[in-house]
Amino acid sequence: MVTIKNREIVLLQRPEGMPREGDFALRQAEIPVCGDGSVIVKTLYLSVDPYMRGRMSGVKSYIAPFALDEVITGGVVGEVVETRYADLRAGDIVVGTLGWRDYNAADGRELRKIDPALAPVSTALGILGMPGLTAYFGLLDIGKPSAGETVVVSGAAGAVGTVAGQIAKLKGCRVVGIAGSDAKTGYLVNELGFDAAINYKPTPDLKNALKEACPGGVDVYFDNVGGFISDTVVTLLNYRARVVLCGQISQYNMSKPEPGPRVQPILLVKSALMKGFIVTDYADRYDEGVRGLGLWLAQKKLKYTEHLVEGLENAPRAFIGLFTGENTGKQIVKAR
């Protein structure tokens, strides 16, 4: 194994605006050594996620920025090929935060073993992983949807939005999704059971389209995108509505914040709640979330789709695709 080269992807320079493939570099290194308490993990699938864009900017946030000329890290599902950690054996499938490389050395305590019999292992990066948990806790803990309420989800065809909307339907809500193509809105309505979906790109009057889709106003807004879409949705909030601030993907590639209306007067007169969160806020409840999502998945009450990109070397392209609307559902890279 030591003669095999270990491909890895580093952040070459900090993106300005939309990331470009030239901001990344593919290099080769040696296979890492397996030390006491660690394992060597062969990458099977890696996750690309919008939050990574913030880590590339070098700005201090809730998580440390990526260092230049260092391997990018994120969610990885892999196979244990060598172990010096008592609770893991060769052949086990695990998930953890690891590098964008073919082989990683990892502390066995920081990995979670996956049962491949429960669902395809790639779901540990999607519906049964960080995106699914984000939707689960954001909607249920902050949004608190009740039967008969109207829930609007922006970025509704993405990994988080598809799950949030389906959970809202399970709670008896009217669910309206906002996405960026007719194919995506069709998927939301025809496959996932959303009550309505709006393709915002060709829509000349988004507010009027939302009024038609939400005749009773908006009780819960699950915000994945920010920008003018969120500015519009907020104007339709009902009394004691809840706004779940999950992501702002429309803003991530801007060098300066986009100016917009002040929402405080609307929140004030509507006695509405707007709360941001990071999924790690719920780290001590992850098992609860995985059990809940897993049960719904086993009962076929939840559906999911994955947009698979082949080849570790194509991870930068897959990441950029998040911002061009390439994916429906979870964007995943198959390493080999």
Protein backbone atom coordinates (compact mmCIF):
# COMPACT_ATOMS: atom_id res chain seq x y z
CA MET A 1 0.00 0.00 0.00
CA VAL A 2 2.87 2.40 0.73
CA THR A 3 3.80 2.48 -2.97
CA ILE A 4 0.38 3.86 -3.94
CA LYS A 5 0.28 7.60 -4.49
CA ASN A 6 -2.25 9.57 -2.50
CA ARG A 7 -4.06 12.21 -4.54
CA GLU A 8 -5.16 15.28 -2.59
CA ILE A 9 -6.79 18.62 -3.33
CA VAL A 10 -5.48 21.81 -1.76
CA LEU A 11 -6.76 25.38 -1.71
CA LEU A 12 -4.28 27.22 -3.88
CA GLN A 13 -5.70 30.74 -3.51
CA ARG A 14 -8.69 32.40 -1.94
CA PRO A 15 -11.55 32.79 -4.44
CA GLU A 16 -12.67 36.25 -5.43
CA GLY A 17 -16.37 36.11 -6.25
CA MET A 18 -17.41 32.83 -7.84
CA PRO A 19 -14.80 30.12 -7.16
CA ARG A 20 -12.83 28.85 -10.16
CA GLU A 21 -11.11 25.54 -10.69
CA GLY A 22 -7.82 27.45 -10.74
CA ASP A 23 -8.32 28.25 -7.05
CA PHE A 24 -7.59 24.57 -6.33
CA ALA A 25 -4.73 22.21 -7.10
CA LEU A 26 -4.50 18.41 -7.35
CA ARG A 27 -1.30 17.02 -5.85
CA GLN A 28 0.19 13.69 -4.88
CA ALA A 29 1.55 12.62 -1.52
CA GLU A 30 2.48 9.45 0.31
CA ILE A 31 -0.03 7.26 2.11
CA PRO A 32 -0.11 8.40 5.78
CA VAL A 33 1.22 6.20 8.57
CA CYS A 34 -1.23 4.53 10.92
CA GLY A 35 -0.33 5.57 14.48
CA ASP A 36 -1.64 4.36 17.83
CA GLY A 37 -5.39 4.90 18.15
CA SER A 38 -5.76 5.85 14.52
CA VAL A 39 -7.01 4.26 11.31
CA ILE A 40 -6.29 4.67 7.61
CA VAL A 41 -9.47 5.41 5.69
CA LYS A 42 -9.83 5.00 1.95
CA THR A 43 -12.21 7.65 0.62
CA LEU A 44 -15.33 6.34 -1.09
CA TYR A 45 -17.46 9.50 -1.22
CA LEU A 46 -16.87 13.09 -0.23
CA SER A 47 -19.32 15.89 0.34
CA VAL A 48 -19.29 19.37 -1.15
CA ASP A 49 -21.38 21.89 0.79
CA PRO A 50 -22.12 25.63 0.50
CA TYR A 51 -20.69 26.45 3.95
CA MET A 52 -17.24 25.60 2.61
CA ARG A 53 -17.26 28.81 0.57
CA GLY A 54 -17.03 30.84 3.77
CA ARG A 55 -14.06 28.79 4.94
CA MET A 56 -12.26 29.61 1.70
CA SER A 57 -12.53 33.36 2.26
CA GLY A 58 -10.13 33.48 5.19
CA VAL A 59 -12.61 35.46 7.30
CA LYS A 60 -13.07 34.41 10.91
CA SER A 61 -16.45 32.74 11.45
CA TYR A 62 -18.02 29.94 13.48
CA ILE A 63 -15.45 27.56 12.00
CA ALA A 64 -11.79 28.14 11.16
CA PRO A 65 -10.98 29.10 7.55
CA PHE A 66 -9.10 26.75 5.28
CA ALA A 67 -5.37 27.41 5.16
CA LEU A 68 -3.78 28.09 1.80
CA ASP A 69 -1.76 25.27 0.27
CA GLU A 70 -3.39 22.81 2.67
CA VAL A 71 -5.80 19.96 1.96
CA ILE A 72 -9.48 20.91 2.05
CA THR A 73 -11.53 19.02 4.63
CA GLY A 74 -15.20 18.07 4.74
CA GLY A 75 -17.57 15.18 5.17
CA VAL A 76 -16.14 11.89 3.92
CA VAL A 77 -17.44 8.33 3.82
CA GLY A 78 -14.68 5.78 3.57
CA GLU A 79 -13.50 2.24 4.20
CA VAL A 80 -11.06 1.36 6.97
CA VAL A 81 -8.05 -0.30 5.35
CA GLU A 82 -5.67 -0.30 8.33
CA THR A 83 -6.41 0.13 12.01
CA ARG A 84 -4.74 0.58 15.37
CA TYR A 85 -7.99 1.53 17.06
CA ALA A 86 -9.75 -1.24 18.98
CA ASP A 87 -13.34 -0.34 18.01
CA LEU A 88 -12.80 -0.37 14.25
CA ARG A 89 -11.73 -3.17 11.93
CA ALA A 90 -10.48 -3.28 8.37
CA GLY A 91 -13.47 -3.25 6.06
CA ASP A 92 -15.66 -1.11 8.32
CA ILE A 93 -17.38 1.83 6.64
CA VAL A 94 -17.09 5.11 8.53
CA VAL A 95 -17.99 8.77 8.19
CA GLY A 96 -16.12 11.78 9.53
CA THR A 97 -14.56 15.13 8.71
CA LEU A 98 -11.53 14.21 6.63
CA GLY A 99 -9.39 15.56 3.81
CA TRP A 100 -10.16 15.66 0.12
CA ARG A 101 -7.66 12.89 -0.57
CA ASP A 102 -7.67 9.19 -1.44
CA TYR A 103 -6.38 8.06 1.96
CA ASN A 104 -6.66 9.78 5.33
CA ALA A 105 -5.17 9.00 8.72
CA ALA A 106 -7.79 9.69 11.37
CA ASP A 107 -8.28 9.43 15.11
CA GLY A 108 -10.67 6.50 15.52
CA ARG A 109 -12.64 8.40 18.16
CA GLU A 110 -13.63 11.04 15.60
CA LEU A 111 -15.23 8.59 13.19
CA ARG A 112 -18.73 7.12 13.21
CA LYS A 113 -19.29 3.59 11.95
CA ILE A 114 -22.00 3.15 9.32
CA ASP A 115 -24.19 0.09 8.83
CA PRO A 116 -24.38 -0.42 5.03
CA ALA A 117 -27.46 -2.64 5.51
CA LEU A 118 -29.59 0.32 6.65
CA ALA A 119 -29.19 2.53 3.56
CA PRO A 120 -26.61 3.28 0.87
CA VAL A 121 -23.51 4.56 2.65
CA SER A 122 -23.54 7.83 0.70
CA THR A 123 -26.67 8.86 2.63
CA ALA A 124 -24.39 9.51 5.62
CA LEU A 125 -23.37 12.66 3.72
CA GLY A 126 -26.92 13.59 2.78
CA ILE A 127 -30.31 12.72 4.17
CA LEU A 128 -28.85 10.79 7.13
CA GLY A 129 -25.93 13.19 7.55
CA MET A 130 -25.28 16.89 8.00
CA PRO A 131 -27.87 18.17 5.46
CA GLY A 132 -30.64 15.94 6.78
CA LEU A 133 -29.86 16.87 10.37
CA THR A 134 -29.79 20.55 9.43
CA ALA A 135 -33.28 20.28 7.99
CA TYR A 136 -34.54 18.16 10.88
CA PHE A 137 -33.42 20.38 13.74
CA GLY A 138 -33.86 23.71 11.96
CA LEU A 139 -37.43 23.02 10.96
CA LEU A 140 -38.62 21.17 14.05
CA ASP A 141 -36.74 23.06 16.77
CA ILE A 142 -36.92 26.60 15.36
CA GLY A 143 -39.70 26.47 12.78
CA LYS A 144 -42.03 24.38 14.96
CA PRO A 145 -44.53 23.74 12.16
CA SER A 146 -48.13 22.87 13.03
CA ALA A 147 -50.75 21.17 10.87
CA GLY A 148 -52.51 23.61 8.57
CA GLU A 149 -49.69 26.17 8.53
CA THR A 150 -47.90 27.31 5.38
CA VAL A 151 -44.18 26.63 5.14
CA VAL A 152 -42.02 28.22 2.44
CA VAL A 153 -38.59 26.75 1.66
CA SER A 154 -36.03 28.56 -0.50
CA GLY A 155 -33.26 26.58 -2.13
CA ALA A 156 -35.94 23.90 -1.94
CA ALA A 157 -34.35 21.48 -4.43
CA GLY A 158 -31.05 21.29 -2.54
CA ALA A 159 -29.89 18.73 -0.01
CA VAL A 160 -31.36 20.59 2.97
CA GLY A 161 -34.41 22.08 1.30
CA THR A 162 -35.76 18.79 -0.04
CA VAL A 163 -35.71 17.28 3.43
CA ALA A 164 -37.10 20.35 5.22
CA GLY A 165 -40.05 20.51 2.83
CA GLN A 166 -40.85 16.82 3.19
CA ILE A 167 -40.76 17.00 6.98
CA ALA A 168 -43.14 19.96 6.84
CA LYS A 169 -45.52 17.85 4.76
CA LEU A 170 -45.27 15.06 7.34
CA LYS A 171 -46.37 17.62 9.92
CA GLY A 172 -49.51 18.42 7.91
CA CYS A 173 -48.41 21.76 6.46
CA ARG A 174 -48.94 23.40 3.11
CA VAL A 175 -45.46 23.52 1.60
CA VAL A 176 -44.25 25.90 -1.09
CA GLY A 177 -40.77 25.55 -2.55
CA ILE A 178 -38.65 28.11 -4.40
CA ALA A 179 -36.03 26.79 -6.83
CA GLY A 180 -34.20 27.80 -10.00
CA SER A 181 -35.53 25.64 -12.83
CA ASP A 182 -38.71 24.05 -14.09
CA ALA A 183 -37.14 20.61 -13.71
CA LYS A 184 -36.50 21.32 -10.04
CA THR A 185 -39.95 22.73 -9.32
CA GLY A 186 -41.49 19.76 -11.11
CA TYR A 187 -39.46 17.40 -8.95
CA LEU A 188 -40.60 19.16 -5.78
CA VAL A 189 -44.28 18.91 -6.65
CA ASN A 190 -44.47 15.63 -8.55
CA GLU A 191 -41.94 13.55 -6.63
CA LEU A 192 -41.69 15.07 -3.15
CA GLY A 193 -45.30 16.15 -2.70
CA PHE A 194 -44.83 19.91 -2.28
CA ASP A 195 -48.14 21.72 -2.70
CA ALA A 196 -46.62 24.34 -5.00
CA ALA A 197 -43.21 25.39 -6.30
CA ILE A 198 -41.97 28.57 -7.97
CA ASN A 199 -39.12 28.89 -10.46
CA TYR A 200 -37.90 32.34 -9.41
CA LYS A 201 -35.67 32.93 -12.45
CA PRO A 202 -38.34 33.62 -15.11
CA THR A 203 -40.92 34.94 -12.62
CA PRO A 204 -41.40 38.69 -13.22
CA ASP A 205 -43.22 39.33 -9.94
CA LEU A 206 -42.07 36.97 -7.22
CA LYS A 207 -44.22 38.56 -4.56
CA ASN A 208 -47.39 38.08 -6.58
CA ALA A 209 -46.42 34.47 -7.35
CA LEU A 210 -45.88 33.84 -3.64
CA LYS A 211 -49.22 35.42 -2.76
CA GLU A 212 -50.94 33.04 -5.16
CA ALA A 213 -49.05 30.04 -3.76
CA CYS A 214 -49.55 31.16 -0.13
CA PRO A 215 -53.08 32.62 0.00
CA GLY A 216 -53.07 32.43 3.80
CA GLY A 217 -49.64 34.05 4.20
CA VAL A 218 -46.45 32.43 5.48
CA ASP A 219 -46.15 30.87 8.93
CA VAL A 220 -42.67 29.33 8.61
CA TYR A 221 -39.91 30.37 6.24
CA PHE A 222 -36.92 28.03 5.94
CA ASP A 223 -34.30 30.34 4.45
CA ASN A 224 -31.44 28.73 2.53
CA VAL A 225 -30.64 31.54 0.11
CA GLY A 226 -31.06 35.08 1.47
CA GLY A 227 -31.04 38.00 -0.94
CA PHE A 228 -34.08 39.34 -2.77
CA ILE A 229 -35.94 36.03 -2.44
CA SER A 230 -35.88 36.23 1.35
CA ASP A 231 -36.65 39.95 1.30
CA THR A 232 -39.82 39.08 -0.62
CA VAL A 233 -40.91 36.13 1.50
CA VAL A 234 -40.57 38.12 4.72
CA THR A 235 -43.17 40.65 3.55
CA LEU A 236 -45.79 37.86 3.63
CA LEU A 237 -45.15 36.66 7.18
CA ASN A 238 -48.13 35.99 9.40
CA TYR A 239 -48.54 36.89 13.06
CA ARG A 240 -46.05 34.92 15.15
CA ALA A 241 -44.33 33.48 12.09
CA ARG A 242 -40.93 31.82 12.41
CA VAL A 243 -37.97 32.41 10.06
CA VAL A 244 -35.29 29.71 10.15
CA LEU A 245 -31.96 31.18 8.98
CA CYS A 246 -30.13 28.16 7.62
CA GLY A 247 -28.06 29.51 4.73
CA GLN A 248 -27.44 32.54 2.52
CA ILE A 249 -26.03 30.95 -0.61
CA SER A 250 -26.98 33.88 -2.83
CA GLN A 251 -24.53 36.04 -0.87
CA TYR A 252 -21.53 33.75 -0.42
CA ASN A 253 -19.64 34.85 -3.53
CA MET A 254 -20.17 38.60 -3.05
CA SER A 255 -17.23 40.75 -2.03
CA LYS A 256 -19.60 43.17 -0.29
CA PRO A 257 -22.96 42.46 1.37
CA GLU A 258 -25.92 43.05 -0.93
CA PRO A 259 -28.04 45.97 0.34
CA GLY A 260 -31.60 45.10 1.20
CA PRO A 261 -34.65 46.27 3.16
CA ARG A 262 -34.61 46.28 6.94
CA VAL A 263 -36.75 43.44 8.26
CA GLN A 264 -37.03 44.59 11.88
CA PRO A 265 -40.31 46.53 11.39
CA ILE A 266 -41.94 43.45 9.85
CA LEU A 267 -40.71 41.19 12.64
CA LEU A 268 -41.89 43.69 15.20
CA VAL A 269 -45.47 44.19 14.01
CA LYS A 270 -45.88 40.48 13.26
CA SER A 271 -44.38 39.38 16.59
CA ALA A 272 -42.27 37.09 14.42
CA LEU A 273 -39.13 35.13 15.29
CA MET A 274 -36.02 35.07 13.10
CA LYS A 275 -33.28 32.78 14.34
CA GLY A 276 -30.05 31.59 12.82
CA PHE A 277 -28.38 28.29 13.69
CA ILE A 278 -25.50 26.00 12.85
CA VAL A 279 -26.17 22.26 12.84
CA THR A 280 -23.35 21.66 15.32
CA ASP A 281 -25.51 23.50 17.88
CA TYR A 282 -27.36 20.18 18.04
CA ALA A 283 -24.33 17.88 18.18
CA ASP A 284 -25.50 16.26 21.41
CA ARG A 285 -28.78 15.33 19.68
CA TYR A 286 -27.41 13.89 16.43
CA ASP A 287 -28.41 10.33 17.36
CA GLU A 288 -31.99 11.51 17.89
CA GLY A 289 -32.02 13.15 14.47
CA VAL A 290 -30.53 10.16 12.67
CA ARG A 291 -33.07 7.85 14.32
CA GLY A 292 -35.97 10.09 13.33
CA LEU A 293 -34.81 10.54 9.75
CA GLY A 294 -33.88 6.86 9.46
CA LEU A 295 -37.34 5.77 10.61
CA TRP A 296 -39.09 8.01 8.08
CA LEU A 297 -36.73 6.77 5.38
CA ALA A 298 -37.40 3.13 6.26
CA GLN A 299 -41.14 3.83 6.22
CA LYS A 300 -40.72 5.41 2.76
CA LYS A 301 -42.09 8.69 4.08
CA LEU A 302 -38.95 10.51 2.92
CA LYS A 303 -37.36 10.47 -0.52
CA TYR A 304 -33.94 11.67 -1.55
CA THR A 305 -31.85 12.14 -4.64
CA GLU A 306 -28.11 12.46 -5.09
CA HIS A 307 -26.19 14.25 -7.85
CA LEU A 308 -23.06 12.16 -8.23
CA VAL A 309 -19.83 13.53 -9.70
CA GLU A 310 -17.21 10.90 -10.58
CA GLY A 311 -13.58 11.33 -9.58
CA LEU A 312 -11.78 12.95 -6.67
CA GLU A 313 -10.07 15.24 -9.17
CA ASN A 314 -13.47 16.71 -10.03
CA ALA A 315 -14.34 17.77 -6.47
CA PRO A 316 -13.61 21.47 -7.19
CA ARG A 317 -15.95 21.38 -10.20
CA ALA A 318 -18.62 19.70 -8.10
CA PHE A 319 -18.23 22.38 -5.42
CA ILE A 320 -18.56 25.19 -7.95
CA GLY A 321 -21.68 23.47 -9.28
CA LEU A 322 -23.44 24.22 -6.00
CA PHE A 323 -23.48 27.91 -6.94
CA THR A 324 -24.57 27.43 -10.55
CA GLY A 325 -27.60 25.30 -9.71
CA GLU A 326 -26.10 22.09 -11.10
CA ASN A 327 -27.51 19.77 -8.45
CA THR A 328 -30.90 18.56 -7.41
CA GLY A 329 -30.61 17.02 -3.95
CA LYS A 330 -27.22 16.24 -2.45
CA GLN A 331 -24.07 16.96 -4.43
CA ILE A 332 -21.61 14.10 -3.79
CA VAL A 333 -18.26 13.13 -5.27
CA LYS A 334 -17.40 9.47 -5.79
CA ALA A 335 -13.65 9.30 -5.27
CA ARG A 336 -12.87 6.56 -7.81
